[in-house]
């Protein structure tokens, strides 16, 4: 799935705009099926480093119990391939997303579901921070990100 999403992200930035008049048939390209799982995209721009960041909300599992899985894509200059990470953040919903370019951090306020009394699903606020690194000289995106979870903020 990660490789397919990387290909799709690359196509979004490199493919020319296509105009279609008339009837368009559904695609049989299996690599595009991953798009059916994406239900939210948060676009962020780190102008200091010249990169686009995209936080994807993708569905899987029981949506009532943290079925929102977050993926991060960093898209550098066209000469470099984008990088995509499965962040490990599985939540109920995203309340807000903000970028602090000075710190190279993405701040996410979210709602998380958890098992309360027998048979009852409860909610609690959750805060996550994703830190990314980009080499100042080459513009290369690091292979890793750091993800931190704070119960409340």
Protein backbone atom coordinates (compact mmCIF):
# COMPACT_ATOMS: atom_id res chain seq x y z
CA UNK A 1 0.00 0.00 0.00
CA UNK A 2 2.82 2.40 0.89
CA UNK A 3 4.53 1.92 -2.48
CA UNK A 4 1.25 2.42 -4.35
CA UNK A 5 0.52 5.61 -2.41
CA UNK A 6 4.01 6.91 -3.23
CA UNK A 7 3.38 6.30 -6.94
CA UNK A 8 0.03 8.04 -6.76
CA UNK A 9 1.51 11.05 -4.96
CA UNK A 10 4.22 11.27 -7.62
CA UNK A 11 1.57 11.22 -10.34
CA UNK A 12 -0.39 13.98 -8.63
CA UNK A 13 2.60 16.28 -8.92
CA UNK A 14 4.06 15.24 -12.27
CA UNK A 15 1.14 14.27 -14.49
CA UNK A 16 -0.26 16.93 -16.79
CA UNK A 17 -3.83 17.98 -16.26
CA UNK A 18 -6.16 15.84 -18.34
CA UNK A 19 -9.43 17.12 -19.68
CA UNK A 20 -12.19 14.63 -20.36
CA UNK A 21 -15.29 15.24 -22.39
CA UNK A 22 -17.91 12.54 -22.48
CA UNK A 23 -18.19 9.26 -20.64
CA UNK A 24 -15.29 8.07 -18.49
CA UNK A 25 -14.99 4.41 -17.56
CA UNK A 26 -13.88 3.32 -14.08
CA UNK A 27 -10.23 2.37 -13.89
CA UNK A 28 -9.17 -1.27 -13.60
CA UNK A 29 -5.71 -0.17 -12.40
CA UNK A 30 -5.30 -1.95 -9.05
CA UNK A 31 -2.69 0.58 -7.91
CA UNK A 32 -5.43 3.23 -7.77
CA UNK A 33 -7.68 1.25 -5.42
CA UNK A 34 -5.81 2.63 -2.39
CA UNK A 35 -7.44 6.00 -3.13
CA UNK A 36 -10.78 4.56 -2.05
CA UNK A 37 -9.39 4.38 1.50
CA UNK A 38 -8.38 8.06 1.62
CA UNK A 39 -11.09 10.29 3.04
CA UNK A 40 -9.13 13.36 4.10
CA UNK A 41 -6.01 15.25 3.03
CA UNK A 42 -4.38 18.09 4.96
CA UNK A 43 -2.00 20.09 2.72
CA UNK A 44 0.80 21.97 4.45
CA UNK A 45 3.59 24.00 2.89
CA UNK A 46 7.04 24.38 4.45
CA UNK A 47 8.16 27.38 2.42
CA UNK A 48 11.41 27.63 4.40
CA UNK A 49 12.54 24.24 3.06
CA UNK A 50 10.58 24.29 -0.18
CA UNK A 51 8.53 21.14 0.46
CA UNK A 52 4.87 20.20 0.51
CA UNK A 53 3.62 18.02 3.33
CA UNK A 54 0.42 16.02 3.06
CA UNK A 55 -1.25 14.30 5.96
CA UNK A 56 -3.60 11.61 4.64
CA UNK A 57 -6.54 10.29 6.64
CA UNK A 58 -7.22 6.75 5.47
CA UNK A 59 -9.88 4.33 6.62
CA UNK A 60 -9.53 0.78 7.68
CA UNK A 61 -10.97 -1.47 10.32
CA UNK A 62 -13.83 -0.30 12.51
CA UNK A 63 -14.23 3.46 12.00
CA UNK A 64 -15.93 3.73 15.40
CA UNK A 65 -12.80 2.48 17.15
CA UNK A 66 -9.86 4.52 15.84
CA UNK A 67 -10.24 3.45 12.22
CA UNK A 68 -8.63 6.66 10.95
CA UNK A 69 -5.00 5.86 10.07
CA UNK A 70 -2.70 8.79 9.37
CA UNK A 71 -0.01 8.73 6.69
CA UNK A 72 2.47 11.51 6.00
CA UNK A 73 3.92 12.37 2.60
CA UNK A 74 6.71 14.87 2.13
CA UNK A 75 7.08 16.05 -1.44
CA UNK A 76 10.38 17.81 -2.11
CA UNK A 77 11.54 19.40 -5.35
CA UNK A 78 10.44 17.63 -8.55
CA UNK A 79 13.93 16.14 -8.92
CA UNK A 80 13.46 14.07 -5.75
CA UNK A 81 10.95 11.33 -5.04
CA UNK A 82 8.37 11.91 -2.32
CA UNK A 83 8.63 9.96 0.92
CA UNK A 84 5.59 8.41 2.60
CA UNK A 85 5.30 7.10 6.17
CA UNK A 86 2.62 5.14 7.98
CA UNK A 87 2.77 7.23 11.16
CA UNK A 88 1.26 4.65 13.49
CA UNK A 89 -1.33 7.23 14.55
CA UNK A 90 -4.73 5.51 14.62
CA UNK A 91 -7.51 7.77 15.90
CA UNK A 92 -11.23 8.46 15.62
CA UNK A 93 -10.91 11.88 13.99
CA UNK A 94 -8.60 14.82 13.35
CA UNK A 95 -9.72 18.08 14.96
CA UNK A 96 -6.87 20.30 13.72
CA UNK A 97 -3.51 20.16 11.97
CA UNK A 98 -0.85 22.88 12.13
CA UNK A 99 2.70 23.21 10.82
CA UNK A 100 5.53 24.87 12.76
CA UNK A 101 8.14 25.19 10.00
CA UNK A 102 10.72 26.68 12.38
CA UNK A 103 10.70 23.46 14.41
CA UNK A 104 9.98 21.12 11.44
CA UNK A 105 6.95 19.85 13.34
CA UNK A 106 3.36 19.00 12.53
CA UNK A 107 0.93 19.34 15.41
CA UNK A 108 -2.24 17.23 15.37
CA UNK A 109 -5.15 17.56 17.75
CA UNK A 110 -7.38 14.52 17.58
CA UNK A 111 -10.10 12.52 19.26
CA UNK A 112 -9.38 8.95 20.29
CA UNK A 113 -11.87 6.27 21.21
CA UNK A 114 -11.25 3.78 24.01
CA UNK A 115 -13.16 1.03 25.77
CA UNK A 116 -14.90 2.40 28.87
CA UNK A 117 -17.57 0.60 30.85
CA UNK A 118 -18.43 -2.82 29.42
CA UNK A 119 -19.80 -2.26 25.95
CA UNK A 120 -19.28 1.52 26.03
CA UNK A 121 -16.88 3.36 23.75
CA UNK A 122 -15.59 6.60 25.25
CA UNK A 123 -13.76 9.59 23.74
CA UNK A 124 -10.71 11.52 24.87
CA UNK A 125 -8.66 14.29 23.31
CA UNK A 126 -5.20 13.38 22.08
CA UNK A 127 -2.30 15.46 20.79
CA UNK A 128 0.41 14.21 18.43
CA UNK A 129 3.57 15.81 17.13
CA UNK A 130 5.41 14.62 14.04
CA UNK A 131 8.95 15.88 13.56
CA UNK A 132 10.63 15.63 10.16
CA UNK A 133 14.14 16.46 8.95
CA UNK A 134 15.36 17.87 5.66
CA UNK A 135 19.05 18.37 4.93
CA UNK A 136 19.69 22.10 4.58
CA UNK A 137 22.34 21.71 1.87
CA UNK A 138 20.99 18.95 -0.36
CA UNK A 139 17.27 19.31 0.38
CA UNK A 140 17.11 15.54 0.94
CA UNK A 141 14.27 14.32 3.12
CA UNK A 142 15.29 12.05 6.00
CA UNK A 143 14.21 8.42 5.86
CA UNK A 144 12.68 8.66 9.33
CA UNK A 145 10.23 10.83 11.22
CA UNK A 146 9.67 11.08 14.97
CA UNK A 147 6.13 10.69 16.29
CA UNK A 148 5.24 11.76 19.83
CA UNK A 149 1.90 11.25 21.56
CA UNK A 150 0.64 13.33 24.46
CA UNK A 151 -2.57 12.22 26.21
CA UNK A 152 -3.87 15.77 26.68
CA UNK A 153 -2.87 19.20 25.54
